Amino acid sequence: MMENNLFNKIFVGEVMDILKTFPEEIIDVSVTSPPYNKQENKKGWLVKNVEYSHSSDAKPEEKYQQEQIAMLNEVYRITKPGGSFFYNHKIRWEKGVLIHPMSWLSKSVWVIKQEIIWDRMIAANIRGWRFWQVEERIYWLYKPIGSKLIGKELESRHAKLTSIWRIRPEPNTDHPAPFPLALPTRAIYSILGENKGFAVLDPYCGSGTTLVAAKLLGHHYIGIDISPEYSKMAEERINNSVFEIGKLNQEIALHNVSSSFSEKKKNGRFTGKYAPPGINQKELF
């Protein structure tokens, strides 16, 4: 169990300094999107320069990647075996050179369970150097139980949402890069389902979207952010989270199937190599 002085709080400060104070194996699911190190020079027709309160998004790339690896490994330490981390990032280019998140993710201790495409359906920086980039990546990272790298199977109602998440970004906010509520809701709900009382972490919590999703789904949360302004914004949002239930329920409504594979199998309605001998496959539909 987590100590009472840790959960349902937002800690303000440097992420590594705070993570190192936490005991091992207290977190079930983490969801985050760190600053992308976009060098604060990616001004486009639709967006101004990306500038965060109290932090720079223009570090030497090698230093940035080393910091991300250290953060990833520290979150691994405090995650329970069988726990998951949904890590949002994107492909970037600097002076024509492609920088892929796998460059540092593959150097962390996590098992990379899946690469999910977040189709934002809108391009922030509209220039013609390459086809407009409307996608970001969400990496489902997994902490195995012993030597079992695969982990528990998702229920069909969650897995059917596929590896391409078409979710529009949150409009008109005071944070430069907020999650839409549907994104952390999908991640947390797919792993924990209707169960309550688990521990959710966002080490770069910003405006608090992950924390709102966790609270509305009945879980404890821990947020970390270097900005007192964003932390205050997140606290206020959490206190008023009841007004976001409608958006959360819209996402939950998508997690539905008429019957799961196991139910079809039990009722003799399964197909392919699992079908009983003598069954006409076409009659099963």
C-alpha atoms as a PDB file:
ATOM      1  CA  MET A   1       0.000   0.000   0.000  1.00  0.00           C
ATOM      2  CA  MET A   2       1.109   3.554  -0.671  1.00  0.00           C
ATOM      3  CA  GLU A   3       1.819   5.784   2.278  1.00  0.00           C
ATOM      4  CA  ASN A   4      -1.005   8.234   2.906  1.00  0.00           C
ATOM      5  CA  ASN A   5       1.266  11.248   2.514  1.00  0.00           C
ATOM      6  CA  LEU A   6       2.027  10.345  -1.113  1.00  0.00           C
ATOM      7  CA  PHE A   7      -1.232   9.899  -2.935  1.00  0.00           C
ATOM      8  CA  ASN A   8      -3.790  12.367  -4.211  1.00  0.00           C
ATOM      9  CA  LYS A   9      -1.166  15.098  -4.298  1.00  0.00           C
ATOM     10  CA  ILE A  10       0.822  17.111  -6.807  1.00  0.00           C
ATOM     11  CA  PHE A  11       4.512  17.534  -6.013  1.00  0.00           C
ATOM     12  CA  VAL A  12       6.207  20.656  -7.354  1.00  0.00           C
ATOM     13  CA  GLY A  13       9.856  20.382  -8.327  1.00  0.00           C
ATOM     14  CA  GLU A  14      12.367  18.576 -10.535  1.00  0.00           C
ATOM     15  CA  VAL A  15      10.952  15.224 -11.575  1.00  0.00           C
ATOM     16  CA  MET A  16      14.037  13.133 -10.694  1.00  0.00           C
ATOM     17  CA  ASP A  17      14.484  14.772  -7.301  1.00  0.00           C
ATOM     18  CA  ILE A  18      10.907  13.875  -6.391  1.00  0.00           C
ATOM     19  CA  LEU A  19      10.802  10.386  -7.923  1.00  0.00           C
ATOM     20  CA  LYS A  20      13.874   9.355  -5.936  1.00  0.00           C
ATOM     21  CA  THR A  21      12.033  10.053  -2.664  1.00  0.00           C
ATOM     22  CA  PHE A  22       9.291   7.498  -3.431  1.00  0.00           C
ATOM     23  CA  PRO A  23       9.451   3.878  -2.217  1.00  0.00           C
ATOM     24  CA  GLU A  24       9.659   0.980  -4.654  1.00  0.00           C
ATOM     25  CA  GLU A  25       6.680  -0.699  -6.344  1.00  0.00           C
ATOM     26  CA  ILE A  26       3.837   1.659  -5.422  1.00  0.00           C
ATOM     27  CA  ILE A  27       2.448   2.566  -8.873  1.00  0.00           C
ATOM     28  CA  ASP A  28       0.089   0.511 -11.063  1.00  0.00           C
ATOM     29  CA  VAL A  29      -0.217   2.690 -14.182  1.00  0.00           C
ATOM     30  CA  SER A  30       1.594   5.825 -15.345  1.00  0.00           C
ATOM     31  CA  VAL A  31       0.593   8.111 -18.201  1.00  0.00           C
ATOM     32  CA  THR A  32       2.653  11.116 -19.267  1.00  0.00           C
ATOM     33  CA  SER A  33       3.883  13.365 -22.033  1.00  0.00           C
ATOM     34  CA  PRO A  34       7.218  15.049 -21.280  1.00  0.00           C
ATOM     35  CA  PRO A  35       8.408  18.248 -22.954  1.00  0.00           C
ATOM     36  CA  TYR A  36       9.568  17.166 -26.420  1.00  0.00           C
ATOM     37  CA  ASN A  37      12.786  19.200 -26.580  1.00  0.00           C
ATOM     38  CA  LYS A  38      11.486  20.967 -29.669  1.00  0.00           C
ATOM     39  CA  GLN A  39      14.126  23.679 -29.225  1.00  0.00           C
ATOM     40  CA  GLU A  40      11.382  26.325 -28.811  1.00  0.00           C
ATOM     41  CA  ASN A  41      11.771  27.198 -32.492  1.00  0.00           C
ATOM     42  CA  LYS A  42       8.984  25.245 -34.146  1.00  0.00           C
ATOM     43  CA  LYS A  43       6.679  28.151 -34.811  1.00  0.00           C
ATOM     44  CA  GLY A  44       4.011  27.353 -37.407  1.00  0.00           C
ATOM     45  CA  TRP A  45       0.878  28.897 -38.837  1.00  0.00           C
ATOM     46  CA  LEU A  46      -1.321  27.360 -36.148  1.00  0.00           C
ATOM     47  CA  VAL A  47       0.888  27.515 -33.066  1.00  0.00           C
ATOM     48  CA  LYS A  48       3.331  29.883 -31.422  1.00  0.00           C
ATOM     49  CA  ASN A  49       6.693  28.778 -30.100  1.00  0.00           C
ATOM     50  CA  VAL A  50       6.345  26.025 -27.487  1.00  0.00           C
ATOM     51  CA  GLU A  51       7.328  27.578 -24.176  1.00  0.00           C
ATOM     52  CA  TYR A  52       6.757  25.948 -20.783  1.00  0.00           C
ATOM     53  CA  SER A  53       6.517  27.724 -17.460  1.00  0.00           C
ATOM     54  CA  HIS A  54       9.670  27.219 -15.327  1.00  0.00           C
ATOM     55  CA  SER A  55      11.379  24.858 -17.801  1.00  0.00           C
ATOM     56  CA  SER A  56      13.255  24.965 -21.076  1.00  0.00           C
ATOM     57  CA  ASP A  57      12.339  22.924 -24.120  1.00  0.00           C
ATOM     58  CA  ALA A  58      15.725  23.583 -25.722  1.00  0.00           C
ATOM     59  CA  LYS A  59      18.334  21.265 -24.210  1.00  0.00           C
ATOM     60  CA  PRO A  60      21.247  19.569 -25.967  1.00  0.00           C
ATOM     61  CA  GLU A  61      19.651  16.432 -27.433  1.00  0.00           C
ATOM     62  CA  GLU A  62      22.098  14.011 -25.805  1.00  0.00           C
ATOM     63  CA  LYS A  63      21.431  15.526 -22.368  1.00  0.00           C
ATOM     64  CA  TYR A  64      17.675  15.438 -22.984  1.00  0.00           C
ATOM     65  CA  GLN A  65      17.731  11.755 -23.905  1.00  0.00           C
ATOM     66  CA  GLN A  66      19.889  10.856 -20.904  1.00  0.00           C
ATOM     67  CA  GLU A  67      17.413  12.648 -18.634  1.00  0.00           C
ATOM     68  CA  GLN A  68      14.503  10.779 -20.196  1.00  0.00           C
ATOM     69  CA  ILE A  69      16.213   7.408 -19.739  1.00  0.00           C
ATOM     70  CA  ALA A  70      16.909   8.223 -16.088  1.00  0.00           C
ATOM     71  CA  MET A  71      13.271   9.259 -15.547  1.00  0.00           C
ATOM     72  CA  LEU A  72      11.964   6.122 -17.294  1.00  0.00           C
ATOM     73  CA  ASN A  73      14.150   3.878 -15.147  1.00  0.00           C
ATOM     74  CA  GLU A  74      13.119   5.651 -11.947  1.00  0.00           C
ATOM     75  CA  VAL A  75       9.426   5.245 -12.794  1.00  0.00           C
ATOM     76  CA  TYR A  76      10.172   1.554 -13.459  1.00  0.00           C
ATOM     77  CA  ARG A  77      11.625   1.262  -9.952  1.00  0.00           C
ATOM     78  CA  ILE A  78       8.479   2.605  -8.309  1.00  0.00           C
ATOM     79  CA  THR A  79       6.108   0.601 -10.540  1.00  0.00           C
ATOM     80  CA  LYS A  80       4.676  -2.710  -9.358  1.00  0.00           C
ATOM     81  CA  PRO A  81       5.553  -5.857 -11.347  1.00  0.00           C
ATOM     82  CA  GLY A  82       2.862  -6.187 -13.999  1.00  0.00           C
ATOM     83  CA  GLY A  83       2.455  -2.403 -14.121  1.00  0.00           C
ATOM     84  CA  SER A  84       2.278  -0.244 -17.233  1.00  0.00           C
ATOM     85  CA  PHE A  85       3.573   3.146 -18.382  1.00  0.00           C
ATOM     86  CA  PHE A  86       1.962   4.942 -21.345  1.00  0.00           C
ATOM     87  CA  TYR A  87       4.602   7.369 -22.616  1.00  0.00           C
ATOM     88  CA  ASN A  88       3.584   9.944 -25.245  1.00  0.00           C
ATOM     89  CA  HIS A  89       6.216  11.432 -27.546  1.00  0.00           C
ATOM     90  CA  LYS A  90       6.761  12.145 -31.237  1.00  0.00           C
ATOM     91  CA  ILE A  91       9.231  11.896 -34.095  1.00  0.00           C
ATOM     92  CA  ARG A  92      11.200  15.131 -34.474  1.00  0.00           C
ATOM     93  CA  TRP A  93      13.646  16.571 -36.980  1.00  0.00           C
ATOM     94  CA  GLU A  94      16.608  18.816 -36.252  1.00  0.00           C
ATOM     95  CA  LYS A  95      18.404  20.284 -39.267  1.00  0.00           C
ATOM     96  CA  GLY A  96      17.029  17.489 -41.427  1.00  0.00           C
ATOM     97  CA  VAL A  97      18.033  14.651 -39.063  1.00  0.00           C
ATOM     98  CA  LEU A  98      15.215  12.414 -37.795  1.00  0.00           C
ATOM     99  CA  ILE A  99      15.101  11.837 -34.023  1.00  0.00           C
ATOM    100  CA  HIS A 100      12.930   8.874 -33.020  1.00  0.00           C
ATOM    101  CA  PRO A 101      11.769   8.144 -29.426  1.00  0.00           C
ATOM    102  CA  MET A 102      13.048   4.579 -29.793  1.00  0.00           C
ATOM    103  CA  SER A 103      16.550   6.084 -29.638  1.00  0.00           C
ATOM    104  CA  TRP A 104      16.226   6.361 -25.851  1.00  0.00           C
ATOM    105  CA  LEU A 105      13.288   4.089 -25.037  1.00  0.00           C
ATOM    106  CA  SER A 106      15.277   1.057 -26.177  1.00  0.00           C
ATOM    107  CA  LYS A 107      18.006   2.012 -23.671  1.00  0.00           C
ATOM    108  CA  SER A 108      15.621   1.995 -20.697  1.00  0.00           C
ATOM    109  CA  VAL A 109      14.829  -1.057 -18.572  1.00  0.00           C
ATOM    110  CA  TRP A 110      11.183  -1.246 -19.706  1.00  0.00           C
ATOM    111  CA  VAL A 111       9.724  -3.893 -21.990  1.00  0.00           C
ATOM    112  CA  ILE A 112       8.255  -2.036 -24.976  1.00  0.00           C
ATOM    113  CA  LYS A 113       4.912  -3.772 -25.294  1.00  0.00           C
ATOM    114  CA  GLN A 114       3.420  -1.720 -28.137  1.00  0.00           C
ATOM    115  CA  GLU A 115       3.827   1.420 -30.218  1.00  0.00           C
ATOM    116  CA  ILE A 116       0.452   3.164 -30.539  1.00  0.00           C
ATOM    117  CA  ILE A 117      -0.171   5.883 -33.098  1.00  0.00           C
ATOM    118  CA  TRP A 118      -2.017   8.905 -31.746  1.00  0.00           C
ATOM    119  CA  ASP A 119      -3.744  10.393 -34.790  1.00  0.00           C
ATOM    120  CA  ARG A 120      -4.423  13.965 -33.708  1.00  0.00           C
ATOM    121  CA  MET A 121      -6.157  14.616 -37.068  1.00  0.00           C
ATOM    122  CA  ILE A 122      -4.647  18.098 -37.179  1.00  0.00           C
ATOM    123  CA  ALA A 123      -1.181  19.430 -37.961  1.00  0.00           C
ATOM    124  CA  ALA A 124       0.212  22.111 -35.664  1.00  0.00           C
ATOM    125  CA  ASN A 125       3.115  23.176 -37.867  1.00  0.00           C
ATOM    126  CA  ILE A 126       1.977  23.540 -41.491  1.00  0.00           C
ATOM    127  CA  ARG A 127       5.026  23.772 -43.736  1.00  0.00           C
ATOM    128  CA  GLY A 128       5.990  21.882 -46.864  1.00  0.00           C
ATOM    129  CA  TRP A 129       9.328  20.353 -45.861  1.00  0.00           C
ATOM    130  CA  ARG A 130       7.526  16.998 -45.483  1.00  0.00           C
ATOM    131  CA  PHE A 131       3.956  15.704 -45.338  1.00  0.00           C
ATOM    132  CA  TRP A 132       2.095  17.383 -42.479  1.00  0.00           C
ATOM    133  CA  GLN A 133       2.721  15.515 -39.258  1.00  0.00           C
ATOM    134  CA  VAL A 134      -0.618  14.774 -37.603  1.00  0.00           C
ATOM    135  CA  GLU A 135       0.509  11.810 -35.515  1.00  0.00           C
ATOM    136  CA  GLU A 136       2.332  11.326 -32.252  1.00  0.00           C
ATOM    137  CA  ARG A 137       3.373   8.094 -30.575  1.00  0.00           C
ATOM    138  CA  ILE A 138       2.233   6.457 -27.355  1.00  0.00           C
ATOM    139  CA  TYR A 139       4.523   3.722 -26.102  1.00  0.00           C
ATOM    140  CA  TRP A 140       2.950   1.101 -23.884  1.00  0.00           C
ATOM    141  CA  LEU A 141       5.801   0.131 -21.579  1.00  0.00           C
ATOM    142  CA  TYR A 142       5.520  -2.902 -19.334  1.00  0.00           C
ATOM    143  CA  LYS A 143       7.258  -4.062 -16.148  1.00  0.00           C
ATOM    144  CA  PRO A 144       7.208  -7.859 -16.333  1.00  0.00           C
ATOM    145  CA  ILE A 145       6.430 -10.250 -13.527  1.00  0.00           C
ATOM    146  CA  GLY A 146       9.559 -12.362 -13.364  1.00  0.00           C
ATOM    147  CA  SER A 147      10.554 -13.594 -16.816  1.00  0.00           C
ATOM    148  CA  LYS A 148       7.042 -13.368 -18.307  1.00  0.00           C
ATOM    149  CA  LEU A 149       7.365 -10.530 -20.811  1.00  0.00           C
ATOM    150  CA  ILE A 150       3.908 -10.736 -22.414  1.00  0.00           C
ATOM    151  CA  GLY A 151       1.706  -9.907 -19.444  1.00  0.00           C
ATOM    152  CA  LYS A 152      -2.038 -10.127 -19.010  1.00  0.00           C
ATOM    153  CA  GLU A 153      -4.306 -10.138 -22.072  1.00  0.00           C
ATOM    154  CA  LEU A 154      -6.533  -7.107 -22.642  1.00  0.00           C
ATOM    155  CA  GLU A 155     -10.276  -7.617 -22.685  1.00  0.00           C
ATOM    156  CA  SER A 156     -11.766  -7.524 -26.202  1.00  0.00           C
ATOM    157  CA  ARG A 157     -13.716  -4.332 -25.420  1.00  0.00           C
ATOM    158  CA  HIS A 158     -10.430  -2.512 -24.891  1.00  0.00           C
ATOM    159  CA  ALA A 159      -8.245  -4.214 -27.494  1.00  0.00           C
ATOM    160  CA  LYS A 160     -10.783  -3.546 -30.268  1.00  0.00           C
ATOM    161  CA  LEU A 161      -9.943   0.167 -30.100  1.00  0.00           C
ATOM    162  CA  THR A 162      -6.823  -0.748 -32.141  1.00  0.00           C
ATOM    163  CA  SER A 163      -3.293   0.621 -32.166  1.00  0.00           C
ATOM    164  CA  ILE A 164      -4.364   3.866 -33.850  1.00  0.00           C
ATOM    165  CA  TRP A 165      -6.059   6.283 -31.451  1.00  0.00           C
ATOM    166  CA  ARG A 166      -7.927   8.996 -33.351  1.00  0.00           C
ATOM    167  CA  ILE A 167      -8.409  11.645 -30.674  1.00  0.00           C
ATOM    168  CA  ARG A 168      -8.359  15.384 -31.291  1.00  0.00           C
ATOM    169  CA  PRO A 169      -6.133  17.493 -29.011  1.00  0.00           C
ATOM    170  CA  GLU A 170      -7.651  19.662 -26.316  1.00  0.00           C
ATOM    171  CA  PRO A 171      -8.511  23.151 -27.671  1.00  0.00           C
ATOM    172  CA  ASN A 172      -8.177  26.542 -25.990  1.00  0.00           C
ATOM    173  CA  THR A 173      -6.219  25.756 -22.832  1.00  0.00           C
ATOM    174  CA  ASP A 174      -3.669  27.647 -20.736  1.00  0.00           C
ATOM    175  CA  HIS A 175      -1.100  24.842 -21.046  1.00  0.00           C
ATOM    176  CA  PRO A 176       1.000  24.609 -24.245  1.00  0.00           C
ATOM    177  CA  ALA A 177       0.576  20.840 -24.736  1.00  0.00           C
ATOM    178  CA  PRO A 178      -2.386  19.347 -22.843  1.00  0.00           C
ATOM    179  CA  PHE A 179      -3.723  15.809 -23.211  1.00  0.00           C
ATOM    180  CA  PRO A 180      -7.328  15.358 -24.283  1.00  0.00           C
ATOM    181  CA  LEU A 181      -9.076  13.620 -21.384  1.00  0.00           C
ATOM    182  CA  ALA A 182      -9.923  10.608 -23.571  1.00  0.00           C
ATOM    183  CA  LEU A 183      -6.259   9.654 -23.934  1.00  0.00           C
ATOM    184  CA  PRO A 184      -5.295   8.907 -20.295  1.00  0.00           C
ATOM    185  CA  THR A 185      -8.819   7.606 -19.708  1.00  0.00           C
ATOM    186  CA  ARG A 186      -8.335   5.014 -22.460  1.00  0.00           C
ATOM    187  CA  ALA A 187      -4.944   3.971 -21.112  1.00  0.00           C
ATOM    188  CA  ILE A 188      -6.008   3.676 -17.466  1.00  0.00           C
ATOM    189  CA  TYR A 189      -9.425   2.134 -18.097  1.00  0.00           C
ATOM    190  CA  SER A 190      -8.058  -0.450 -20.538  1.00  0.00           C
ATOM    191  CA  ILE A 191      -5.608  -1.714 -17.931  1.00  0.00           C
ATOM    192  CA  LEU A 192      -7.658  -1.415 -14.722  1.00  0.00           C
ATOM    193  CA  GLY A 193     -11.245  -1.699 -15.971  1.00  0.00           C
ATOM    194  CA  GLU A 194     -13.932  -1.230 -13.326  1.00  0.00           C
ATOM    195  CA  ASN A 195     -11.530  -1.944 -10.477  1.00  0.00           C
ATOM    196  CA  LYS A 196     -10.989   0.963  -8.090  1.00  0.00           C
ATOM    197  CA  GLY A 197      -8.320   2.178  -5.706  1.00  0.00           C
ATOM    198  CA  PHE A 198      -5.171   1.661  -7.776  1.00  0.00           C
ATOM    199  CA  ALA A 199      -2.289   4.130  -8.004  1.00  0.00           C
ATOM    200  CA  VAL A 200      -1.757   6.306 -11.109  1.00  0.00           C
ATOM    201  CA  LEU A 201       1.273   8.521 -11.738  1.00  0.00           C
ATOM    202  CA  ASP A 202       1.963  11.385 -14.132  1.00  0.00           C
ATOM    203  CA  PRO A 203       5.565  12.595 -13.699  1.00  0.00           C
ATOM    204  CA  TYR A 204       4.946  15.611 -15.978  1.00  0.00           C
ATOM    205  CA  CYS A 205       1.353  16.299 -14.983  1.00  0.00           C
ATOM    206  CA  GLY A 206       0.997  19.798 -16.485  1.00  0.00           C
ATOM    207  CA  SER A 207      -2.652  20.828 -16.439  1.00  0.00           C
ATOM    208  CA  GLY A 208      -3.612  17.596 -14.639  1.00  0.00           C
ATOM    209  CA  THR A 209      -5.492  15.637 -17.311  1.00  0.00           C
ATOM    210  CA  THR A 210      -4.123  12.241 -16.231  1.00  0.00           C
ATOM    211  CA  LEU A 211      -4.919  13.028 -12.603  1.00  0.00           C
ATOM    212  CA  VAL A 212      -8.495  14.018 -13.451  1.00  0.00           C
ATOM    213  CA  ALA A 213      -8.970  10.765 -15.364  1.00  0.00           C
ATOM    214  CA  ALA A 214      -7.556   8.778 -12.445  1.00  0.00           C
ATOM    215  CA  LYS A 215      -9.804  10.480  -9.898  1.00  0.00           C
ATOM    216  CA  LEU A 216     -12.965  10.089 -11.987  1.00  0.00           C
ATOM    217  CA  LEU A 217     -12.162   6.403 -12.523  1.00  0.00           C
ATOM    218  CA  GLY A 218     -11.845   5.910  -8.752  1.00  0.00           C
ATOM    219  CA  HIS A 219      -8.063   5.708  -8.354  1.00  0.00           C
ATOM    220  CA  HIS A 220      -5.391   7.408  -6.272  1.00  0.00           C
ATOM    221  CA  TYR A 221      -3.025   9.693  -8.127  1.00  0.00           C
ATOM    222  CA  ILE A 222       0.401  11.290  -7.876  1.00  0.00           C
ATOM    223  CA  GLY A 223       1.353  14.246 -10.050  1.00  0.00           C
ATOM    224  CA  ILE A 224       4.735  15.905 -10.473  1.00  0.00           C
ATOM    225  CA  ASP A 225       5.426  19.196 -12.233  1.00  0.00           C
ATOM    226  CA  ILE A 226       8.168  21.785 -12.053  1.00  0.00           C
ATOM    227  CA  SER A 227       5.739  24.691 -12.532  1.00  0.00           C
ATOM    228  CA  PRO A 228       3.802  26.080  -9.542  1.00  0.00           C
ATOM    229  CA  GLU A 229       1.408  27.743 -12.018  1.00  0.00           C
ATOM    230  CA  TYR A 230       0.548  24.503 -13.822  1.00  0.00           C
ATOM    231  CA  SER A 231       0.304  22.649 -10.515  1.00  0.00           C
ATOM    232  CA  LYS A 232      -2.190  25.183  -9.202  1.00  0.00           C
ATOM    233  CA  MET A 233      -4.119  24.900 -12.469  1.00  0.00           C
ATOM    234  CA  ALA A 234      -4.185  21.116 -12.085  1.00  0.00           C
ATOM    235  CA  GLU A 235      -5.361  21.308  -8.450  1.00  0.00           C
ATOM    236  CA  GLU A 236      -8.249  23.561  -9.436  1.00  0.00           C
ATOM    237  CA  ARG A 237      -9.163  21.252 -12.283  1.00  0.00           C
ATOM    238  CA  ILE A 238      -9.137  18.187 -10.036  1.00  0.00           C
ATOM    239  CA  ASN A 239     -11.378  19.973  -7.535  1.00  0.00           C
ATOM    240  CA  ASN A 240     -13.835  20.657 -10.369  1.00  0.00           C
ATOM    241  CA  SER A 241     -13.429  17.292 -12.074  1.00  0.00           C
ATOM    242  CA  VAL A 242     -17.137  16.507 -11.769  1.00  0.00           C
ATOM    243  CA  PHE A 243     -17.694  18.829 -14.731  1.00  0.00           C
ATOM    244  CA  GLU A 244     -15.573  16.543 -16.937  1.00  0.00           C
ATOM    245  CA  ILE A 245     -17.510  13.339 -16.279  1.00  0.00           C
ATOM    246  CA  GLY A 246     -19.359  13.711 -19.565  1.00  0.00           C
ATOM    247  CA  LYS A 247     -16.133  13.641 -21.599  1.00  0.00           C
ATOM    248  CA  LEU A 248     -14.863  10.684 -19.593  1.00  0.00           C
ATOM    249  CA  ASN A 249     -18.080   8.738 -20.150  1.00  0.00           C
ATOM    250  CA  GLN A 250     -17.868   9.354 -23.904  1.00  0.00           C
ATOM    251  CA  GLU A 251     -14.577   7.480 -23.945  1.00  0.00           C
ATOM    252  CA  ILE A 252     -15.789   4.682 -21.657  1.00  0.00           C
ATOM    253  CA  ALA A 253     -18.796   4.119 -23.934  1.00  0.00           C
ATOM    254  CA  LEU A 254     -16.395   3.110 -26.718  1.00  0.00           C
ATOM    255  CA  HIS A 255     -15.150   0.168 -24.634  1.00  0.00           C
ATOM    256  CA  ASN A 256     -17.944  -2.197 -25.517  1.00  0.00           C
ATOM    257  CA  VAL A 257     -18.421  -5.425 -27.462  1.00  0.00           C
ATOM    258  CA  SER A 258     -21.595  -7.467 -27.950  1.00  0.00           C
ATOM    259  CA  SER A 259     -19.749 -10.644 -26.944  1.00  0.00           C
ATOM    260  CA  SER A 260     -16.127 -11.420 -26.204  1.00  0.00           C
ATOM    261  CA  PHE A 261     -14.028 -14.167 -27.775  1.00  0.00           C
ATOM    262  CA  SER A 262     -14.323 -16.260 -24.601  1.00  0.00           C
ATOM    263  CA  GLU A 263     -18.119 -15.904 -24.633  1.00  0.00           C
ATOM    264  CA  LYS A 264     -18.297 -16.914 -28.310  1.00  0.00           C
ATOM    265  CA  LYS A 265     -16.087 -19.915 -27.580  1.00  0.00           C
ATOM    266  CA  LYS A 266     -18.236 -20.938 -24.613  1.00  0.00           C
ATOM    267  CA  ASN A 267     -21.405 -20.751 -26.734  1.00  0.00           C
ATOM    268  CA  GLY A 268     -19.889 -22.609 -29.697  1.00  0.00           C
ATOM    269  CA  ARG A 269     -19.871 -19.492 -31.894  1.00  0.00           C
ATOM    270  CA  PHE A 270     -16.120 -19.138 -32.341  1.00  0.00           C
ATOM    271  CA  THR A 271     -14.472 -19.448 -35.730  1.00  0.00           C
ATOM    272  CA  GLY A 272     -11.248 -20.312 -37.517  1.00  0.00           C
ATOM    273  CA  LYS A 273      -9.008 -23.035 -36.103  1.00  0.00           C
ATOM    274  CA  TYR A 274     -11.028 -22.949 -32.860  1.00  0.00           C
ATOM    275  CA  ALA A 275     -14.313 -23.932 -34.493  1.00  0.00           C
ATOM    276  CA  PRO A 276     -15.791 -27.366 -33.596  1.00  0.00           C
ATOM    277  CA  PRO A 277     -15.543 -30.066 -36.305  1.00  0.00           C
ATOM    278  CA  GLY A 278     -18.415 -30.051 -38.778  1.00  0.00           C
ATOM    279  CA  ILE A 279     -19.436 -26.435 -38.080  1.00  0.00           C
ATOM    280  CA  ASN A 280     -20.153 -24.302 -41.139  1.00  0.00           C
ATOM    281  CA  GLN A 281     -18.201 -21.105 -40.550  1.00  0.00           C
ATOM    282  CA  LYS A 282     -20.709 -18.956 -42.449  1.00  0.00           C
ATOM    283  CA  GLU A 283     -23.515 -20.103 -40.156  1.00  0.00           C
ATOM    284  CA  LEU A 284     -21.742 -18.595 -37.172  1.00  0.00           C
ATOM    285  CA  PHE A 285     -22.282 -14.997 -38.308  1.00  0.00           C
END
